[in-house]
Amino acid sequence: MTSIARPTQQARAVEAATYCCPLCGLQDYKMFVGAKQRTVVECQGCGLRALSPMPTLSDLVVINEETVHPFFNACIEDEDTYRAYFKRKLDDLQRYQPGGRLLDVGCGAGSFLAGARARGYDIAGVDLSPVPAEYLERRLGLNVFVGSLYQYAAPSQSFDAVTIFQTIEHDPHPAELCRELLRILRPGGSLMVTTPAADGFVARAMGKRWFGYRNVEHVSFFSRQSLCFALEQAGFEIVYLEIEHGKRLSAKYVLNRLINYYYDHRTFLKNGLRLLHPPMLLLNKVPLFEPWAHLYAIARRPVSPRAGVPPYLRVTDVGT
């Protein structure tokens, strides 16, 4: 890995004495300083890249509330794009889990939940922020739990399917999160995960300037290796794991994200986007997409306790 800047020897000594991988617990890692004065390290055991020091879940709730409004509004404006993207995900899910109780963790603007309800699933949603919860109750009549998955405290084996799109990277305890996802799934139930791909084409091309490292809400950065490890360590059987194209994006959404990742998002998002609205009307006609940018996994809770590594593990990279 490449260093953006060199931390002080004192900081190195402190982190060397205290850092443990939040996924596997190992203290063997490579270190580099990421964007926005955040240190990112890579575990030499499981391959997970994560912030060091790791913020608490309470810290992340505060960060989420600072950033949720502009991004939530951008998602609503791109609702057609999200609807088309999640239609494909629902097509995939129905091949493995054609119905039953479904929980969407980090449900955001609710495009996936609305599509799942239309296909007959008995749906539930969880989100850290009250902003999407209020919107979904008002717009779609959906009752979304506000808080973390741990606070939601669903009964064991209470869901036939659980989805977690672009959310696993926000949790400071990925091992605990995966165990909780397994606990609430019934045996034979399906899990669907997406997250930015730290070993994808975009990440490799951008290197130390990859937007994944610069998103202030992201604390864990998964590769195929580390996501596979996280799910299998929790007890899942992996059915499918690939690096996929992202969804189509509007120019305003892309600009919104770039400003947040590379500039002072608080001041610019409040003032600058209003000035850029006229050019956005023209730029929104240009189709944009994220090439080979996200990990996409489908896993299941074994019907009986797993013995060894699943023989049907399939890992592909459509970007190579």
Foldseek 3Di string as FASTA:
>chain_A
DDAPDDDDPVVVVVCLVDDAPLQPRDSDWAWHQAPPRWIWIAHPPQGKIFTVVFDAPVVLLVVCVLPVVVLLVQCVVVVVLVLVVLVVVLVVQCVQPVEEEEEEEQCRQPSNVVVNVVSHHNYEYEHQDCVNQVNCCVPPVHHYHHRHLVVVPAAFQQTQEYEYEQHCQQHSNLLVVLLSVLRNHHASGKYKYKHWACPWPQNVVCPSLRLLRQQPRGGMHDHQSNVVSSNVVSQKAWQEKEQAKFIKHQPLSVVLSVCSRPHDNNVCVVPVVVVCVVVSVVRRVDIHIGGSTMMITMIGHHNDGDDDHDPNDDYYYPRD
